[in-house]
């Protein structure tokens, strides 16, 4: 096998590995099989430590069922599940890797109890985890935790500005364990991303100048060019990134693959999900803001997402008193008279109710959305069943500290992310659940490597990537 020109191993965790990182995908979309195999192939495998699966004595997945009566108690159950699952996944991945490559773990800083989970996992997997990737928020404490357990850390950012903030506040104190900085393209990466209010979700920006700006920021802070920037999001063929490799302007570069490893023999996602990836066309992955985290995220635009889009379109603003254009009282879908809307919105609301969307649910933004009875019951049940999987949840108003409430109205335009990700990862309906994917997923259909329904092993995929394809 001839390796793509310019591509060289990097030293990570004391050994040479290929500069190829498996993107960690929770819930349970990367596990020990995929990450262990990626490391065994010479790369950096990544176990998702976001509510990972654990197993019973017969090797069957333990269902994560919550029996406690209060959210706080269910949150504590969730943390126990999370630590037990991630520890089991790391141990199994480490065994599969057999001393080759490296095993990282990935956590979302916005997940509920992130620090407690991360510390619990690292305490029980000493010597097995080389590094921790962490994004979805500003993980200032990541370097401090890494130092305590003597592991590397790889923050995930989407701008030089974000890295500077992390470095100035905390990371400069633990510079020796900063193994890499992951630049995640907020327009192209799957799952949650770091699109800021200053950026237009409809206007993708070329990653090259953004990564150069990140490197310039790192240099200005005294970070060596030998610390790689890991390009994540939209990466498919390395030959398309030839001008990034061995480029003195960018310094050391590695590449992260999140979407391509979904379609491998070892990938733990159900067959229906794998099959659907082969059918996608450009534009079938939607960058949206329905996630209860409040972040933008990217997922397949299936009926689940379309129903959320439609729900938000059945939305009207209201005032509690007659004011401005709000001159008429809403007389459908609500109880009480303190809902003043425009005459045009009143007619729209009446039309929705006539079509079966008979309940108007208030949002935190002084609007109401119209839903069916079945939708209302589902929303209310999911909000009541909240198990505290996020540090702050827009959907249920949960917060994982202080008084355990965000103080805002629960938002019916969102959904329970833990429920849907657990469901799709374990065989649930792919049309009625959130299906994360990167925006390059349409290339499964175009790439001849996958023709005739070919599903590679992870080793075959890594070997293919190393050739430039």
Foldseek 3Di string as FASTA:
>chain_A
DDFAPLFDFAAALRDTAGLEEADEDPDQQDFLLLQLVLQLLREEREHELQLAWDADPVRHTDDQDADDQDLLNLLVSSLVSSQRRSLVRLVSSLVSSVPGGAYAYEDEPFWFPRVVSVLSNLVNQQPRHQEYEYYNDQCLCRLVSCVVRVHAYEYEAQALVSVLVSCVRHCVVRVVRHQAYEHAQCQFAWFFHDDDPVDDNVDGDDCVVRLLRNQVSCVVVPRDLSREYEYHGPDDFCLVVVCVRPPPSRRHYGYYDHFLSSQAPSRLFDPVLNVVLLVDDQPQKDFDQQFQSRTTGIFGCFLQVVVLVVQVVQKFAFAQDDDDQQHDFQDFQDPDGRTTGHPVNSVSNVVVVVVQQGHWDDAQVRMTTTHHPVLVVQLVVQLSVNNRGTCAGQQNQAHNDDPRGVPTDHGSSHGDQVVQSVQSRVPHDPRNGTGIHTSCSNCSNVDPVCPPNDGHHSSVSVVVSRRRD
